PDB file of N, CA and C in Angstrom:
ATOM      1  N   UNK A   1      90.150 151.615 -68.862  1.00  0.00           N
ATOM      2  CA  UNK A   1      89.745 149.976 -69.710  1.00  0.00           C
ATOM      3  C   UNK A   1      88.233 149.719 -70.286  1.00  0.00           C
ATOM      4  N   UNK A   2      87.317 150.013 -70.651  1.00  0.00           N
ATOM      5  CA  UNK A   2      86.294 150.440 -70.971  1.00  0.00           C
ATOM      6  C   UNK A   2      85.699 149.105 -70.994  1.00  0.00           C
ATOM      7  N   UNK A   3      84.739 148.092 -69.717  1.00  0.00           N
ATOM      8  CA  UNK A   3      83.992 146.686 -69.931  1.00  0.00           C
ATOM      9  C   UNK A   3      82.764 146.206 -70.923  1.00  0.00           C
ATOM     10  N   UNK A   4      82.499 145.362 -71.838  1.00  0.00           N
ATOM     11  CA  UNK A   4      81.864 145.045 -72.567  1.00  0.00           C
ATOM     12  C   UNK A   4      81.122 144.110 -72.420  1.00  0.00           C
ATOM     13  N   UNK A   5      79.825 144.527 -71.782  1.00  0.00           N
ATOM     14  CA  UNK A   5      78.850 143.301 -71.251  1.00  0.00           C
ATOM     15  C   UNK A   5      78.609 142.376 -73.122  1.00  0.00           C
ATOM     16  N   UNK A   6      78.747 141.503 -73.095  1.00  0.00           N
ATOM     17  CA  UNK A   6      78.966 140.238 -73.327  1.00  0.00           C
ATOM     18  C   UNK A   6      78.092 139.139 -72.992  1.00  0.00           C
ATOM     19  N   UNK A   7      76.954 139.297 -73.892  1.00  0.00           N
ATOM     20  CA  UNK A   7      76.329 137.380 -73.457  1.00  0.00           C
ATOM     21  C   UNK A   7      76.573 136.833 -74.486  1.00  0.00           C
ATOM     22  N   UNK A   8      77.020 135.957 -74.485  1.00  0.00           N
ATOM     23  CA  UNK A   8      76.855 134.777 -74.908  1.00  0.00           C
ATOM     24  C   UNK A   8      76.080 133.988 -74.600  1.00  0.00           C
ATOM     25  N   UNK A   9      75.061 133.551 -75.820  1.00  0.00           N
ATOM     26  CA  UNK A   9      73.672 131.830 -75.489  1.00  0.00           C
ATOM     27  C   UNK A   9      74.089 131.120 -76.923  1.00  0.00           C
ATOM     28  N   UNK A  10      73.994 129.856 -76.541  1.00  0.00           N
ATOM     29  CA  UNK A  10      73.982 129.688 -77.323  1.00  0.00           C
ATOM     30  C   UNK A  10      72.501 128.505 -78.081  1.00  0.00           C
ATOM     31  N   UNK A  11      71.498 129.154 -77.470  1.00  0.00           N
ATOM     32  CA  UNK A  11      70.173 128.787 -78.680  1.00  0.00           C
ATOM     33  C   UNK A  11      68.847 130.244 -77.907  1.00  0.00           C
ATOM     34  N   UNK A  12      68.524 130.180 -78.417  1.00  0.00           N
ATOM     35  CA  UNK A  12      67.429 131.317 -78.550  1.00  0.00           C
ATOM     36  C   UNK A  12      66.341 131.019 -78.737  1.00  0.00           C
ATOM     37  N   UNK A  13      64.899 131.421 -77.832  1.00  0.00           N
ATOM     38  CA  UNK A  13      63.301 131.065 -79.057  1.00  0.00           C
ATOM     39  C   UNK A  13      63.193 132.097 -79.774  1.00  0.00           C
ATOM     40  N   UNK A  14      62.565 131.754 -80.767  1.00  0.00           N
ATOM     41  CA  UNK A  14      63.128 132.557 -82.313  1.00  0.00           C
ATOM     42  C   UNK A  14      61.599 132.088 -82.830  1.00  0.00           C
ATOM     43  N   UNK A  15      60.098 132.811 -83.253  1.00  0.00           N
ATOM     44  CA  UNK A  15      58.916 132.921 -83.639  1.00  0.00           C
ATOM     45  C   UNK A  15      58.256 131.739 -82.956  1.00  0.00           C
ATOM     46  N   UNK A  16      58.627 131.883 -81.331  1.00  0.00           N
ATOM     47  CA  UNK A  16      57.271 130.468 -80.374  1.00  0.00           C
ATOM     48  C   UNK A  16      58.351 129.119 -80.551  1.00  0.00           C
ATOM     49  N   UNK A  17      59.360 129.411 -80.823  1.00  0.00           N
ATOM     50  CA  UNK A  17      59.428 127.762 -80.710  1.00  0.00           C
ATOM     51  C   UNK A  17      61.491 128.156 -80.138  1.00  0.00           C
ATOM     52  N   UNK A  18      61.849 127.143 -81.197  1.00  0.00           N
ATOM     53  CA  UNK A  18      63.462 127.395 -79.812  1.00  0.00           C
ATOM     54  C   UNK A  18      64.423 127.080 -80.784  1.00  0.00           C
ATOM     55  N   UNK A  19      65.903 127.530 -81.392  1.00  0.00           N
ATOM     56  CA  UNK A  19      66.480 127.067 -82.306  1.00  0.00           C
ATOM     57  C   UNK A  19      67.945 127.400 -80.950  1.00  0.00           C
ATOM     58  N   UNK A  20      68.906 125.674 -80.963  1.00  0.00           N
ATOM     59  CA  UNK A  20      69.711 125.531 -80.447  1.00  0.00           C
ATOM     60  C   UNK A  20      70.499 124.132 -80.049  1.00  0.00           C
ATOM     61  N   UNK A  21      71.128 124.159 -79.427  1.00  0.00           N
ATOM     62  CA  UNK A  21      71.308 122.183 -78.668  1.00  0.00           C
ATOM     63  C   UNK A  21      70.065 121.501 -78.566  1.00  0.00           C
ATOM     64  N   UNK A  22      70.254 119.884 -78.387  1.00  0.00           N
ATOM     65  CA  UNK A  22      68.974 119.837 -77.739  1.00  0.00           C
ATOM     66  C   UNK A  22      69.068 119.934 -76.745  1.00  0.00           C
ATOM     67  N   UNK A  23      69.464 120.124 -75.575  1.00  0.00           N
ATOM     68  CA  UNK A  23      69.960 120.224 -74.462  1.00  0.00           C
ATOM     69  C   UNK A  23      69.315 122.145 -74.461  1.00  0.00           C
ATOM     70  N   UNK A  24      69.709 122.871 -75.108  1.00  0.00           N
ATOM     71  CA  UNK A  24      68.948 124.029 -74.459  1.00  0.00           C
ATOM     72  C   UNK A  24      67.103 124.000 -75.210  1.00  0.00           C
ATOM     73  N   UNK A  25      67.048 122.554 -76.044  1.00  0.00           N
ATOM     74  CA  UNK A  25      65.537 122.766 -76.458  1.00  0.00           C
ATOM     75  C   UNK A  25      65.298 122.226 -75.309  1.00  0.00           C
ATOM     76  N   UNK A  26      65.586 121.568 -74.800  1.00  0.00           N
ATOM     77  CA  UNK A  26      65.730 120.114 -73.405  1.00  0.00           C
ATOM     78  C   UNK A  26      65.102 121.476 -72.423  1.00  0.00           C
ATOM     79  N   UNK A  27      65.846 122.266 -72.040  1.00  0.00           N
ATOM     80  CA  UNK A  27      66.242 122.700 -70.988  1.00  0.00           C
ATOM     81  C   UNK A  27      64.553 124.137 -71.315  1.00  0.00           C
ATOM     82  N   UNK A  28      64.672 124.526 -72.474  1.00  0.00           N
ATOM     83  CA  UNK A  28      63.692 126.187 -72.544  1.00  0.00           C
ATOM     84  C   UNK A  28      62.750 125.239 -73.147  1.00  0.00           C
ATOM     85  N   UNK A  29      62.363 124.304 -73.623  1.00  0.00           N
ATOM     86  CA  UNK A  29      60.451 123.502 -73.098  1.00  0.00           C
ATOM     87  C   UNK A  29      60.710 123.054 -71.503  1.00  0.00           C
ATOM     88  N   UNK A  30      61.390 122.863 -70.666  1.00  0.00           N
ATOM     89  CA  UNK A  30      61.121 122.311 -69.125  1.00  0.00           C
ATOM     90  C   UNK A  30      61.049 124.156 -68.671  1.00  0.00           C
ATOM     91  N   UNK A  31      61.437 124.924 -69.016  1.00  0.00           N
ATOM     92  CA  UNK A  31      61.293 126.101 -67.293  1.00  0.00           C
ATOM     93  C   UNK A  31      60.353 127.047 -68.271  1.00  0.00           C
ATOM     94  N   UNK A  32      59.503 127.107 -69.311  1.00  0.00           N
ATOM     95  CA  UNK A  32      58.631 127.386 -69.690  1.00  0.00           C
ATOM     96  C   UNK A  32      56.788 127.198 -69.349  1.00  0.00           C
ATOM     97  N   UNK A  33      57.135 125.671 -68.995  1.00  0.00           N
ATOM     98  CA  UNK A  33      56.444 124.404 -68.817  1.00  0.00           C
ATOM     99  C   UNK A  33      55.090 124.868 -69.713  1.00  0.00           C
ATOM    100  N   UNK A  34      55.078 124.498 -70.870  1.00  0.00           N
ATOM    101  CA  UNK A  34      54.222 123.730 -71.936  1.00  0.00           C
ATOM    102  C   UNK A  34      53.590 122.719 -71.061  1.00  0.00           C
ATOM    103  N   UNK A  35      54.631 121.825 -70.828  1.00  0.00           N
ATOM    104  CA  UNK A  35      53.890 120.795 -70.850  1.00  0.00           C
ATOM    105  C   UNK A  35      52.941 120.291 -69.620  1.00  0.00           C
ATOM    106  N   UNK A  36      53.043 120.801 -68.704  1.00  0.00           N
ATOM    107  CA  UNK A  36      52.725 121.144 -67.159  1.00  0.00           C
ATOM    108  C   UNK A  36      51.105 122.300 -67.798  1.00  0.00           C
ATOM    109  N   UNK A  37      50.982 123.416 -68.588  1.00  0.00           N
ATOM    110  CA  UNK A  37      50.250 123.496 -68.928  1.00  0.00           C
ATOM    111  C   UNK A  37      49.152 122.544 -69.862  1.00  0.00           C
ATOM    112  N   UNK A  38      49.361 122.397 -70.340  1.00  0.00           N
ATOM    113  CA  UNK A  38      49.584 120.672 -71.410  1.00  0.00           C
ATOM    114  C   UNK A  38      48.184 120.421 -71.343  1.00  0.00           C
ATOM    115  N   UNK A  39      49.606 119.125 -69.789  1.00  0.00           N
ATOM    116  CA  UNK A  39      48.655 117.871 -68.830  1.00  0.00           C
ATOM    117  C   UNK A  39      47.391 118.785 -68.006  1.00  0.00           C
ATOM    118  N   UNK A  40      47.513 119.787 -68.002  1.00  0.00           N
ATOM    119  CA  UNK A  40      46.210 120.271 -66.940  1.00  0.00           C
ATOM    120  C   UNK A  40      45.342 120.702 -68.098  1.00  0.00           C
ATOM    121  N   UNK A  41      45.691 120.699 -68.995  1.00  0.00           N
ATOM    122  CA  UNK A  41      44.244 121.050 -69.847  1.00  0.00           C
ATOM    123  C   UNK A  41      44.005 120.422 -70.597  1.00  0.00           C
ATOM    124  N   UNK A  42      44.555 118.864 -70.636  1.00  0.00           N
ATOM    125  CA  UNK A  42      44.031 117.470 -70.941  1.00  0.00           C
ATOM    126  C   UNK A  42      42.892 116.965 -69.704  1.00  0.00           C
ATOM    127  N   UNK A  43      43.522 117.294 -69.117  1.00  0.00           N
ATOM    128  CA  UNK A  43      42.806 116.688 -67.672  1.00  0.00           C
ATOM    129  C   UNK A  43      40.845 117.423 -66.972  1.00  0.00           C
ATOM    130  N   UNK A  44      41.497 118.969 -67.841  1.00  0.00           N
ATOM    131  CA  UNK A  44      40.321 119.415 -67.636  1.00  0.00           C
ATOM    132  C   UNK A  44      39.498 118.580 -68.821  1.00  0.00           C
ATOM    133  N   UNK A  45      39.627 118.735 -69.915  1.00  0.00           N
ATOM    134  CA  UNK A  45      38.712 118.546 -70.597  1.00  0.00           C
ATOM    135  C   UNK A  45      38.579 117.513 -70.305  1.00  0.00           C
ATOM    136  N   UNK A  46      39.035 116.415 -70.761  1.00  0.00           N
ATOM    137  CA  UNK A  46      38.602 114.673 -69.794  1.00  0.00           C
ATOM    138  C   UNK A  46      37.682 115.116 -68.975  1.00  0.00           C
ATOM    139  N   UNK A  47      37.522 116.094 -67.697  1.00  0.00           N
ATOM    140  CA  UNK A  47      36.666 115.965 -67.044  1.00  0.00           C
ATOM    141  C   UNK A  47      34.929 116.465 -67.496  1.00  0.00           C
ATOM    142  N   UNK A  48      35.001 117.598 -68.572  1.00  0.00           N
ATOM    143  CA  UNK A  48      34.423 118.279 -69.526  1.00  0.00           C
ATOM    144  C   UNK A  48      33.948 117.071 -69.759  1.00  0.00           C
ATOM    145  N   UNK A  49      34.547 116.288 -70.908  1.00  0.00           N
ATOM    146  CA  UNK A  49      34.009 115.217 -72.203  1.00  0.00           C
ATOM    147  C   UNK A  49      32.189 114.101 -71.147  1.00  0.00           C
ATOM    148  N   UNK A  50      32.669 113.893 -70.333  1.00  0.00           N
ATOM    149  CA  UNK A  50      31.919 113.084 -69.564  1.00  0.00           C
ATOM    150  C   UNK A  50      30.165 114.166 -69.820  1.00  0.00           C
ATOM    151  N   UNK A  51      31.130 115.042 -69.848  1.00  0.00           N
ATOM    152  CA  UNK A  51      29.206 115.536 -70.399  1.00  0.00           C
ATOM    153  C   UNK A  51      28.585 116.759 -70.795  1.00  0.00           C
ATOM    154  N   UNK A  52      30.418 116.641 -72.097  1.00  0.00           N
ATOM    155  CA  UNK A  52      30.521 117.697 -72.982  1.00  0.00           C
ATOM    156  C   UNK A  52      30.665 116.977 -74.218  1.00  0.00           C
ATOM    157  N   UNK A  53      30.773 115.762 -74.469  1.00  0.00           N
ATOM    158  CA  UNK A  53      32.122 115.253 -75.028  1.00  0.00           C
ATOM    159  C   UNK A  53      32.400 115.501 -76.548  1.00  0.00           C
ATOM    160  N   UNK A  54      31.207 116.501 -77.736  1.00  0.00           N
ATOM    161  CA  UNK A  54      31.323 116.744 -79.107  1.00  0.00           C
ATOM    162  C   UNK A  54      32.317 118.482 -78.296  1.00  0.00           C
ATOM    163  N   UNK A  55      31.427 119.295 -77.042  1.00  0.00           N
ATOM    164  CA  UNK A  55      32.592 120.332 -76.898  1.00  0.00           C
ATOM    165  C   UNK A  55      34.032 119.996 -76.640  1.00  0.00           C
ATOM    166  N   UNK A  56      33.973 119.163 -75.842  1.00  0.00           N
ATOM    167  CA  UNK A  56      35.428 118.484 -75.505  1.00  0.00           C
ATOM    168  C   UNK A  56      36.165 118.639 -76.830  1.00  0.00           C
ATOM    169  N   UNK A  57      36.116 117.933 -77.976  1.00  0.00           N
ATOM    170  CA  UNK A  57      36.983 117.360 -78.425  1.00  0.00           C
ATOM    171  C   UNK A  57      36.568 118.677 -79.713  1.00  0.00           C
ATOM    172  N   UNK A  58      36.137 119.252 -79.773  1.00  0.00           N
ATOM    173  CA  UNK A  58      35.758 120.675 -80.899  1.00  0.00           C
ATOM    174  C   UNK A  58      37.273 121.323 -80.065  1.00  0.00           C
ATOM    175  N   UNK A  59      37.662 122.178 -78.859  1.00  0.00           N
ATOM    176  CA  UNK A  59      38.536 122.489 -77.356  1.00  0.00           C
ATOM    177  C   UNK A  59      40.434 121.777 -78.176  1.00  0.00           C
ATOM    178  N   UNK A  60      40.039 120.638 -77.393  1.00  0.00           N
ATOM    179  CA  UNK A  60      41.521 120.263 -78.274  1.00  0.00           C
ATOM    180  C   UNK A  60      41.820 120.271 -79.771  1.00  0.00           C
ATOM    181  N   UNK A  61      40.592 119.260 -80.088  1.00  0.00           N
ATOM    182  CA  UNK A  61      41.093 120.255 -82.150  1.00  0.00           C
ATOM    183  C   UNK A  61      41.324 121.231 -82.565  1.00  0.00           C
ATOM    184  N   UNK A  62      40.506 122.125 -81.988  1.00  0.00           N
ATOM    185  CA  UNK A  62      40.967 124.073 -82.857  1.00  0.00           C
ATOM    186  C   UNK A  62      42.472 124.723 -81.184  1.00  0.00           C
ATOM    187  N   UNK A  63      42.463 124.315 -80.837  1.00  0.00           N
ATOM    188  CA  UNK A  63      43.281 124.837 -79.502  1.00  0.00           C
ATOM    189  C   UNK A  63      44.304 123.931 -79.975  1.00  0.00           C
ATOM    190  N   UNK A  64      44.336 122.949 -78.123  1.00  0.00           N
ATOM    191  CA  UNK A  64      45.495 122.233 -77.879  1.00  0.00           C
ATOM    192  C   UNK A  64      46.307 121.579 -78.825  1.00  0.00           C
ATOM    193  N   UNK A  65      45.463 120.888 -79.347  1.00  0.00           N
ATOM    194  CA  UNK A  65      46.121 119.559 -80.227  1.00  0.00           C
ATOM    195  C   UNK A  65      47.582 120.880 -81.885  1.00  0.00           C
ATOM    196  N   UNK A  66      47.076 122.091 -81.766  1.00  0.00           N
ATOM    197  CA  UNK A  66      47.724 122.814 -83.082  1.00  0.00           C
ATOM    198  C   UNK A  66      48.921 124.009 -82.072  1.00  0.00           C
ATOM    199  N   UNK A  67      48.793 123.934 -80.599  1.00  0.00           N
ATOM    200  CA  UNK A  67      49.720 123.648 -79.998  1.00  0.00           C
ATOM    201  C   UNK A  67      51.305 122.999 -80.527  1.00  0.00           C
ATOM    202  N   UNK A  68      50.028 122.083 -80.273  1.00  0.00           N
ATOM    203  CA  UNK A  68      51.443 120.743 -80.023  1.00  0.00           C
ATOM    204  C   UNK A  68      52.206 120.435 -81.706  1.00  0.00           C
ATOM    205  N   UNK A  69      50.964 120.630 -82.467  1.00  0.00           N
ATOM    206  CA  UNK A  69      51.858 119.997 -83.663  1.00  0.00           C
ATOM    207  C   UNK A  69      52.415 121.036 -84.036  1.00  0.00           C
ATOM    208  N   UNK A  70      52.361 122.800 -83.625  1.00  0.00           N
ATOM    209  CA  UNK A  70      52.996 123.404 -83.902  1.00  0.00           C
ATOM    210  C   UNK A  70      54.953 124.280 -83.213  1.00  0.00           C
ATOM    211  N   UNK A  71      54.320 123.329 -82.013  1.00  0.00           N
ATOM    212  CA  UNK A  71      56.202 123.156 -81.444  1.00  0.00           C
ATOM    213  C   UNK A  71      56.682 121.364 -81.730  1.00  0.00           C
ATOM    214  N   UNK A  72      56.694 120.919 -82.843  1.00  0.00           N
ATOM    215  CA  UNK A  72      56.420 118.584 -83.218  1.00  0.00           C
ATOM    216  C   UNK A  72      57.539 120.251 -84.330  1.00  0.00           C
ATOM    217  N   UNK A  73      56.625 120.811 -85.161  1.00  0.00           N
ATOM    218  CA  UNK A  73      57.271 121.491 -86.940  1.00  0.00           C
ATOM    219  C   UNK A  73      58.432 121.831 -86.500  1.00  0.00           C
ATOM    220  N   UNK A  74      58.471 123.274 -85.501  1.00  0.00           N
ATOM    221  CA  UNK A  74      59.581 123.877 -85.597  1.00  0.00           C
ATOM    222  C   UNK A  74      60.457 124.011 -83.794  1.00  0.00           C
ATOM    223  N   UNK A  75      60.471 123.336 -83.479  1.00  0.00           N
ATOM    224  CA  UNK A  75      61.023 122.807 -82.170  1.00  0.00           C
ATOM    225  C   UNK A  75      61.266 121.433 -83.117  1.00  0.00           C
ATOM    226  N   UNK A  76      63.344 121.303 -82.908  1.00  0.00           N
ATOM    227  CA  UNK A  76      63.595 119.324 -83.182  1.00  0.00           C
ATOM    228  C   UNK A  76      64.165 119.245 -81.510  1.00  0.00           C
ATOM    229  N   UNK A  77      63.872 117.540 -82.468  1.00  0.00           N
ATOM    230  CA  UNK A  77      63.846 116.695 -80.948  1.00  0.00           C
ATOM    231  C   UNK A  77      63.491 117.602 -79.167  1.00  0.00           C
ATOM    232  N   UNK A  78      62.106 117.224 -80.342  1.00  0.00           N
ATOM    233  CA  UNK A  78      60.958 117.374 -79.183  1.00  0.00           C
ATOM    234  C   UNK A  78      59.915 117.363 -78.582  1.00  0.00           C
ATOM    235  N   UNK A  79      60.296 115.877 -79.272  1.00  0.00           N
ATOM    236  CA  UNK A  79      59.016 114.010 -78.847  1.00  0.00           C
ATOM    237  C   UNK A  79      59.093 114.415 -77.337  1.00  0.00           C
ATOM    238  N   UNK A  80      60.196 114.218 -76.682  1.00  0.00           N
ATOM    239  CA  UNK A  80      59.966 113.669 -74.987  1.00  0.00           C
ATOM    240  C   UNK A  80      59.038 114.656 -74.635  1.00  0.00           C
ATOM    241  N   UNK A  81      58.881 115.013 -75.113  1.00  0.00           N
ATOM    242  CA  UNK A  81      58.270 116.905 -73.602  1.00  0.00           C
ATOM    243  C   UNK A  81      56.738 116.380 -74.519  1.00  0.00           C
ATOM    244  N   UNK A  82      56.737 114.892 -75.446  1.00  0.00           N
ATOM    245  CA  UNK A  82      54.891 115.351 -75.557  1.00  0.00           C
ATOM    246  C   UNK A  82      54.447 113.276 -74.748  1.00  0.00           C
ATOM    247  N   UNK A  83      55.408 113.147 -73.942  1.00  0.00           N
ATOM    248  CA  UNK A  83      55.266 111.544 -73.151  1.00  0.00           C
ATOM    249  C   UNK A  83      54.212 111.921 -71.952  1.00  0.00           C
ATOM    250  N   UNK A  84      54.091 113.435 -70.733  1.00  0.00           N
ATOM    251  CA  UNK A  84      53.236 113.109 -70.222  1.00  0.00           C
ATOM    252  C   UNK A  84      51.843 112.744 -70.464  1.00  0.00           C
TER     253      UNK A  84
END
């Protein structure tokens, strides 16, 4: 008898987003640690804004904000990730 190694998944990363159930999406966003990276980036930008407010605004609007918008568009039920 031949063993067939099949992995059954209910969700998977797709085009830097995620397709799957709400539980799978929450697990994916948590494990990828996107939230931690975004939180650290915003803290660094807030420190930089004290000396260079315009540069900090440009960095936020051209980089981090676009990541947030992309995740909100391609990942359903991701609003809880933006609480921190």
